[in-house]
Each structure stands twice: as structure tokens, then as C-alpha cells.
Amino acid sequence: MRLLKLPLAALFLTSCSNIAPTAAATPQAATLATHDVVSTLAAIGPMIEVSFDGTNCTVSGPSEVPTGNQVFKFTNSSGQVVTPLVGRNYPGKTWQDVLDAIGTPGTDSGASWNFVTVLGVDRSVSESPTVSYRQYGLKLEAEHHIALEGSGGQLWPCGPFHVVVAP
């Protein structure tokens, strides 16, 4: 039995993306695999884009998206380590409830988790150290929101969006 040696990045990309490598195991192959996954995720659209500069988190794109697979593009130019979070508000809770619970953006406040269910990521890939794409399977018609969580538990609210039933 012959063992195939692949760069760790190529193994990571194939395990996260469910796309098999198509080229020889070289740094170029890992770059090509990343490009293919980014292209695939970007083609799903409509894409919501989230940008974070260390102080403010802004959202651009549609305010309503259909159920199904949706891709979010996250750009983090802050130099801080943050994790993007997409959540569905509990019934009867609103974006304002989330904002009130978080309080000052960038502070540690676990209270907002009393209002949302955080969704798991279906697929994720990084285009660069500051840009990543994440795919979520949105199933329920409801208000959702996007926030960022810092490594110390700090939260930055980004914005709400509404999921509607796909036609």
C-alpha cells in the first residue's frame, strides 16, 4: 500500500469543503483548491458581506434572503481574532433585544445568548488571512442576526436580516 503525502492545507480544505483535490499535492494545488471552494461559495449568492475594523461591524447585501444555503463573506481588517456568528432570534425576541443585551459593542456579555440560537456552519474557507466565506443552511422563516465574538468573549453586533420561504 502506497501512502499519499498531501500538504496539511489541502487536507483541511477537502475535509471542510467536501471537494476532492484535483491536482498534485503542491502548494499550488492547495491554492487552486481554495480558489475552487471560494468560487463555488461565491456563486451561491445572494451574499451578505460583513466587515469588521476593530470597532465597528457593518453588513451590506440583501436584508431578506430565502431559505436554503446562503453564503456570508466576512472581512476582518482589525488584526483581532474574532469568530463570526449567525443566529436566529427566539420567537418574540428582536434585534433590539439583542442590542440591549450586548450593551456596549466589544464588551463581554453572555446575556444576548438568551435571545438567539446560534447556527452551525455548513462549509467554511479562508480566501486570505482577513477574508473568509461561510455557508449556512437557513431553514426557518424568522429574523436572524450576525455578530462577532472575540477570543475573550467580547461581542460586536453587526446587523439583522430576515429569512423568507424560498419561492
Foldseek 3Di string as FASTA:
>chain_A
DDDADAPPLQVVLCVQQVDHQDDHRDPVSSLVSLVVSVVVQPVVDPEWEWEAQQQAIEIDGAQEDEAFKYKYKYFYNNPFDKDKWKWFFDPPDDPVNLCVQLDHAFDAGPRSVVTTDTFDFNHKGANDPGMIMTMGGGDDFGKMFMWMAGPVRGIHGYGIGTYDHDD
